[in-house]
Protein backbone atom coordinates (compact mmCIF):
# COMPACT_ATOMS: atom_id res chain seq x y z
CA MET A 1 113.63 86.38 84.85
CA HIS A 2 112.31 89.87 85.51
CA GLU A 3 113.35 92.77 83.33
CA LEU A 4 114.36 96.03 84.97
CA MET A 5 112.31 97.75 82.27
CA SER A 6 109.09 96.64 84.02
CA GLU A 7 109.26 99.83 86.06
CA GLN A 8 106.40 100.67 88.34
CA GLU A 9 105.29 103.90 89.95
CA SER A 10 106.15 104.58 93.57
CA LYS A 11 103.97 106.90 95.65
CA ASP A 12 105.61 109.60 97.75
CA GLY A 13 108.88 107.64 97.78
CA LYS A 14 107.30 104.38 98.92
CA VAL A 15 105.90 101.24 97.32
CA PRO A 16 102.10 101.49 97.01
CA GLY A 17 100.50 98.92 99.31
CA GLY A 18 103.71 98.35 101.23
CA PHE A 19 103.38 97.33 104.85
CA GLY A 20 105.84 96.71 107.65
CA GLU A 21 108.72 98.97 108.59
CA PHE A 22 109.97 100.91 105.54
CA GLY A 23 113.21 99.43 104.22
CA PHE A 24 113.48 96.82 106.97
CA SER A 25 110.73 94.55 105.64
CA SER A 26 110.50 92.75 102.30
CA THR A 27 106.84 93.81 102.21
CA ASN A 28 107.87 97.49 102.29
CA PRO A 29 111.13 97.76 100.33
CA ILE A 30 112.84 100.98 99.30
CA PRO A 31 111.90 101.72 95.67
CA VAL A 32 114.78 102.67 93.38
CA SER A 33 115.33 102.83 89.63
CA GLY A 34 117.55 99.96 88.49
CA ILE A 35 120.71 98.42 89.87
CA MET A 36 122.54 101.75 89.59
CA GLY A 37 119.68 103.26 91.59
CA GLU A 38 120.44 100.80 94.39
CA ILE A 39 124.11 101.74 94.32
CA ASN A 40 123.34 105.47 94.23
CA TYR A 41 120.81 105.21 97.07
CA LEU A 42 123.15 103.19 99.30
CA ALA A 43 126.05 105.57 98.54
CA ARG A 44 123.92 108.42 99.94
CA LEU A 45 122.87 106.50 103.06
CA MET A 46 124.40 107.36 106.43
CA THR A 47 123.51 106.92 110.07
CA LYS A 48 121.83 109.72 112.03
CA GLU A 49 125.27 110.29 113.56
CA GLY A 50 126.67 111.02 110.09
CA LEU A 51 128.62 107.77 109.68
CA LYS A 52 128.88 106.39 106.16
CA VAL A 53 127.51 102.87 105.75
CA GLU A 54 129.05 99.91 103.99
CA TYR A 55 126.82 97.43 102.20
CA GLU A 56 126.85 94.01 100.61
CA ARG A 57 124.13 92.41 98.53
CA LEU A 58 123.07 89.13 100.11
CA GLY A 59 120.56 87.92 97.54
CA GLN A 60 116.89 88.29 96.70
CA ALA A 61 113.62 87.98 98.53
CA ALA A 62 110.00 87.87 97.48
CA ALA A 63 106.90 89.32 99.08
CA ARG A 64 103.26 88.56 98.34
CA ASN A 65 102.45 92.24 97.78
CA ILE A 66 105.42 93.04 95.47
CA ASN A 67 105.42 91.84 91.85
CA ASN A 68 109.21 91.83 91.38
CA PRO A 69 112.23 90.44 93.24
CA ILE A 70 113.54 92.45 96.17
CA ASP A 71 117.26 92.75 96.84
CA ILE A 72 118.57 92.20 100.36
CA PHE A 73 121.56 94.23 101.56
CA GLU A 74 123.56 93.81 104.74
CA ILE A 75 124.40 97.22 106.18
CA ARG A 76 127.51 97.74 108.28
CA VAL A 77 129.20 100.70 109.93
CA LYS A 78 132.95 100.50 110.46
CA GLY A 79 132.72 96.79 109.65
CA GLU A 80 130.10 96.06 112.31
CA TYR A 81 126.73 94.60 111.33
CA LEU A 82 123.91 97.10 111.70
CA CYS A 83 120.87 95.68 109.87
CA LYS A 84 119.47 94.32 106.63
CA LEU A 85 117.68 96.60 104.19
CA PHE A 86 115.37 95.61 101.35
CA LEU A 87 115.44 97.53 98.04
CA CYS A 88 113.41 96.97 94.89
CA PRO A 89 115.05 98.24 91.67
CA TYR A 90 111.91 98.02 89.51
CA TYR A 91 110.57 101.55 89.99
CA LYS A 92 110.73 104.64 87.78
CA GLU A 93 112.16 106.92 90.45
CA MET A 94 114.47 106.64 93.44
CA SER A 95 113.08 107.21 96.91
CA ASP A 96 114.39 110.18 98.86
CA ILE A 97 113.18 108.67 102.13
CA ALA A 98 115.63 107.10 104.57
CA PRO A 99 114.66 104.23 106.86
CA VAL A 100 114.35 104.98 110.59
CA GLY A 101 117.80 105.63 112.08
CA PHE A 102 119.31 106.75 108.77
CA GLU A 103 119.64 109.88 106.66
CA LEU A 104 120.34 110.49 102.99
CA THR A 105 122.87 112.99 101.69
CA MET A 106 121.78 115.32 98.90
CA ARG A 107 121.76 114.01 95.35
CA LYS A 108 124.62 115.26 93.20
């Protein structure tokens, strides 16, 4: 089992060495700090049209270029499936970058 304390450094809001579309690929997950970081990030996420998203954790994934498990979230808007996003909670800081098609509200 991996400990959340094994925090790594992200670079400019992204996982170093990540490849594939940011957030949409397990090889380029959104770096956040802990489980609460995932919740805080997803609470700030909205569509470009300003619609708040709903999310549900589906499980975990692994990628050959990431040393820790990656959480998979189903993203919905008004109950309709939109996409899956991949987040990795093993980083020291939370990304302020939104995947293509999304925006983030300001941190409180």
